[in-house]
């Protein structure tokens, strides 16, 4: 299973949910959950500094700016945006904004609890 999160550094709700993602990574990573956060438009050194300072250990990739083809398939209109994909790559959960409770319910539905 993969949790795919779209975010950017100067988005307060985006930064607010990162500690929860780290908890999910610590709890469910050994059970098969992969978390990948895709940054929109920030300088790599700024993102690296933020991750290091906060101690986040899940992968963050640089997605480029607004016109990057990375974002088009996901129809992103606001941030943060989170998708949960099952082992077949199918979307089983989508959240605009922070919804850790809903995400945990979706993970439970996939057998992670």
C-alpha atoms as a PDB file:
ATOM      1  CA  UNK A   1       0.000   0.000   0.000  1.00  0.00           C
ATOM      2  CA  UNK A   2       1.147   3.515  -0.742  1.00  0.00           C
ATOM      3  CA  UNK A   3       0.161   6.806   0.810  1.00  0.00           C
ATOM      4  CA  UNK A   4       0.838   9.567  -1.696  1.00  0.00           C
ATOM      5  CA  UNK A   5       0.728  13.117  -0.334  1.00  0.00           C
ATOM      6  CA  UNK A   6       0.988  16.340  -2.330  1.00  0.00           C
ATOM      7  CA  UNK A   7       2.211  19.319  -0.348  1.00  0.00           C
ATOM      8  CA  UNK A   8       4.405  22.400  -0.267  1.00  0.00           C
ATOM      9  CA  UNK A   9       6.537  23.868   2.474  1.00  0.00           C
ATOM     10  CA  UNK A  10       4.620  27.101   3.112  1.00  0.00           C
ATOM     11  CA  UNK A  11       1.251  25.363   3.477  1.00  0.00           C
ATOM     12  CA  UNK A  12       0.463  25.272   7.232  1.00  0.00           C
ATOM     13  CA  UNK A  13      -1.985  22.317   6.994  1.00  0.00           C
ATOM     14  CA  UNK A  14       0.599  20.412   4.954  1.00  0.00           C
ATOM     15  CA  UNK A  15       3.240  20.818   7.647  1.00  0.00           C
ATOM     16  CA  UNK A  16       0.692  20.036  10.369  1.00  0.00           C
ATOM     17  CA  UNK A  17      -0.057  16.560   9.027  1.00  0.00           C
ATOM     18  CA  UNK A  18       3.592  15.517   8.552  1.00  0.00           C
ATOM     19  CA  UNK A  19       4.015  14.383  12.198  1.00  0.00           C
ATOM     20  CA  UNK A  20       0.948  12.169  11.730  1.00  0.00           C
ATOM     21  CA  UNK A  21       2.446  10.699   8.564  1.00  0.00           C
ATOM     22  CA  UNK A  22       5.630   9.918  10.464  1.00  0.00           C
ATOM     23  CA  UNK A  23       3.563   8.113  13.116  1.00  0.00           C
ATOM     24  CA  UNK A  24       1.822   6.115  10.371  1.00  0.00           C
ATOM     25  CA  UNK A  25       5.188   5.291   8.792  1.00  0.00           C
ATOM     26  CA  UNK A  26       6.564   4.095  12.127  1.00  0.00           C
ATOM     27  CA  UNK A  27       3.445   2.072  12.898  1.00  0.00           C
ATOM     28  CA  UNK A  28       2.554   0.619   9.505  1.00  0.00           C
ATOM     29  CA  UNK A  29       5.778   0.790   7.491  1.00  0.00           C
ATOM     30  CA  UNK A  30       6.858  -2.626   8.789  1.00  0.00           C
ATOM     31  CA  UNK A  31       3.420  -3.955   7.745  1.00  0.00           C
ATOM     32  CA  UNK A  32       3.756  -2.793   4.143  1.00  0.00           C
ATOM     33  CA  UNK A  33       2.743   0.880   4.042  1.00  0.00           C
ATOM     34  CA  UNK A  34       4.963   3.157   1.967  1.00  0.00           C
ATOM     35  CA  UNK A  35       4.590   6.912   2.340  1.00  0.00           C
ATOM     36  CA  UNK A  36       5.781   9.305  -0.345  1.00  0.00           C
ATOM     37  CA  UNK A  37       5.278  13.056  -0.146  1.00  0.00           C
ATOM     38  CA  UNK A  38       5.531  15.034  -3.403  1.00  0.00           C
ATOM     39  CA  UNK A  39       6.635  18.637  -2.963  1.00  0.00           C
ATOM     40  CA  UNK A  40       5.342  21.377  -5.230  1.00  0.00           C
ATOM     41  CA  UNK A  41       7.834  24.040  -6.144  1.00  0.00           C
ATOM     42  CA  UNK A  42      10.036  24.449  -3.076  1.00  0.00           C
ATOM     43  CA  UNK A  43      13.814  24.673  -3.185  1.00  0.00           C
ATOM     44  CA  UNK A  44      15.332  21.252  -2.443  1.00  0.00           C
ATOM     45  CA  UNK A  45      17.627  22.668   0.234  1.00  0.00           C
ATOM     46  CA  UNK A  46      14.652  24.247   2.047  1.00  0.00           C
ATOM     47  CA  UNK A  47      12.761  20.957   2.022  1.00  0.00           C
ATOM     48  CA  UNK A  48      15.830  19.032   3.185  1.00  0.00           C
ATOM     49  CA  UNK A  49      16.330  21.472   6.062  1.00  0.00           C
ATOM     50  CA  UNK A  50      12.696  21.189   7.129  1.00  0.00           C
ATOM     51  CA  UNK A  51      12.753  17.387   7.055  1.00  0.00           C
ATOM     52  CA  UNK A  52      16.015  17.188   8.959  1.00  0.00           C
ATOM     53  CA  UNK A  53      14.979  19.740  11.593  1.00  0.00           C
ATOM     54  CA  UNK A  54      11.664  17.961  12.219  1.00  0.00           C
ATOM     55  CA  UNK A  55      13.093  14.427  12.027  1.00  0.00           C
ATOM     56  CA  UNK A  56      10.780  13.155   9.283  1.00  0.00           C
ATOM     57  CA  UNK A  57      12.125   9.967   7.702  1.00  0.00           C
ATOM     58  CA  UNK A  58       9.628   9.068   4.977  1.00  0.00           C
ATOM     59  CA  UNK A  59      10.598   9.832   1.360  1.00  0.00           C
ATOM     60  CA  UNK A  60       9.909  13.248  -0.110  1.00  0.00           C
ATOM     61  CA  UNK A  61      10.354  13.812  -3.822  1.00  0.00           C
ATOM     62  CA  UNK A  62      10.551  17.112  -5.649  1.00  0.00           C
ATOM     63  CA  UNK A  63       7.615  17.361  -8.031  1.00  0.00           C
ATOM     64  CA  UNK A  64       8.483  20.667  -9.667  1.00  0.00           C
ATOM     65  CA  UNK A  65       6.220  23.670 -10.085  1.00  0.00           C
ATOM     66  CA  UNK A  66       2.544  24.035 -10.916  1.00  0.00           C
ATOM     67  CA  UNK A  67       3.019  23.165 -14.583  1.00  0.00           C
ATOM     68  CA  UNK A  68       4.906  19.958 -13.830  1.00  0.00           C
ATOM     69  CA  UNK A  69       3.373  16.854 -15.433  1.00  0.00           C
ATOM     70  CA  UNK A  70       3.672  15.134 -12.052  1.00  0.00           C
ATOM     71  CA  UNK A  71       0.560  16.921 -10.770  1.00  0.00           C
ATOM     72  CA  UNK A  72      -1.762  16.795 -13.789  1.00  0.00           C
ATOM     73  CA  UNK A  73      -3.050  13.204 -13.406  1.00  0.00           C
ATOM     74  CA  UNK A  74      -4.106  13.870  -9.822  1.00  0.00           C
ATOM     75  CA  UNK A  75      -6.286  16.908 -10.573  1.00  0.00           C
ATOM     76  CA  UNK A  76      -4.854  18.901  -7.692  1.00  0.00           C
ATOM     77  CA  UNK A  77      -6.773  22.072  -6.932  1.00  0.00           C
ATOM     78  CA  UNK A  78      -5.691  22.636  -3.321  1.00  0.00           C
ATOM     79  CA  UNK A  79      -3.149  21.361  -0.815  1.00  0.00           C
ATOM     80  CA  UNK A  80      -2.616  19.133   1.010  1.00  0.00           C
ATOM     81  CA  UNK A  81      -4.010  16.287  -1.041  1.00  0.00           C
ATOM     82  CA  UNK A  82      -3.580  12.665   0.005  1.00  0.00           C
ATOM     83  CA  UNK A  83      -4.261   9.425  -1.837  1.00  0.00           C
ATOM     84  CA  UNK A  84      -4.073   5.911  -0.458  1.00  0.00           C
ATOM     85  CA  UNK A  85      -3.416   3.218  -3.041  1.00  0.00           C
ATOM     86  CA  UNK A  86      -3.969  -0.471  -2.440  1.00  0.00           C
ATOM     87  CA  UNK A  87      -1.448  -3.103  -3.510  1.00  0.00           C
ATOM     88  CA  UNK A  88      -2.964  -3.106  -7.020  1.00  0.00           C
ATOM     89  CA  UNK A  89      -2.382   0.649  -7.367  1.00  0.00           C
ATOM     90  CA  UNK A  90      -6.077   1.483  -7.090  1.00  0.00           C
ATOM     91  CA  UNK A  91      -7.170   4.585  -5.183  1.00  0.00           C
ATOM     92  CA  UNK A  92      -9.016   3.488  -2.052  1.00  0.00           C
ATOM     93  CA  UNK A  93      -8.971   6.808  -0.206  1.00  0.00           C
ATOM     94  CA  UNK A  94      -8.639  10.479  -1.148  1.00  0.00           C
ATOM     95  CA  UNK A  95      -8.518  13.477   1.135  1.00  0.00           C
ATOM     96  CA  UNK A  96      -8.270  17.186   0.474  1.00  0.00           C
ATOM     97  CA  UNK A  97      -6.980  18.774   3.655  1.00  0.00           C
ATOM     98  CA  UNK A  98      -6.212  16.942   6.866  1.00  0.00           C
ATOM     99  CA  UNK A  99      -8.257  13.833   7.697  1.00  0.00           C
ATOM    100  CA  UNK A 100      -6.050  11.528   9.751  1.00  0.00           C
ATOM    101  CA  UNK A 101      -9.077   9.765  11.269  1.00  0.00           C
ATOM    102  CA  UNK A 102     -10.467   8.962   7.813  1.00  0.00           C
ATOM    103  CA  UNK A 103      -7.047   7.829   6.658  1.00  0.00           C
ATOM    104  CA  UNK A 104      -6.693   5.508   9.633  1.00  0.00           C
ATOM    105  CA  UNK A 105     -10.138   4.062   8.890  1.00  0.00           C
ATOM    106  CA  UNK A 106      -9.085   3.413   5.290  1.00  0.00           C
ATOM    107  CA  UNK A 107      -5.891   1.733   6.493  1.00  0.00           C
ATOM    108  CA  UNK A 108      -7.923  -0.426   8.863  1.00  0.00           C
ATOM    109  CA  UNK A 109     -10.159  -1.376   5.938  1.00  0.00           C
ATOM    110  CA  UNK A 110      -7.051  -2.636   4.162  1.00  0.00           C
ATOM    111  CA  UNK A 111      -6.091  -4.774   7.148  1.00  0.00           C
ATOM    112  CA  UNK A 112      -3.595  -2.405   8.762  1.00  0.00           C
ATOM    113  CA  UNK A 113      -4.498  -1.882  12.389  1.00  0.00           C
END
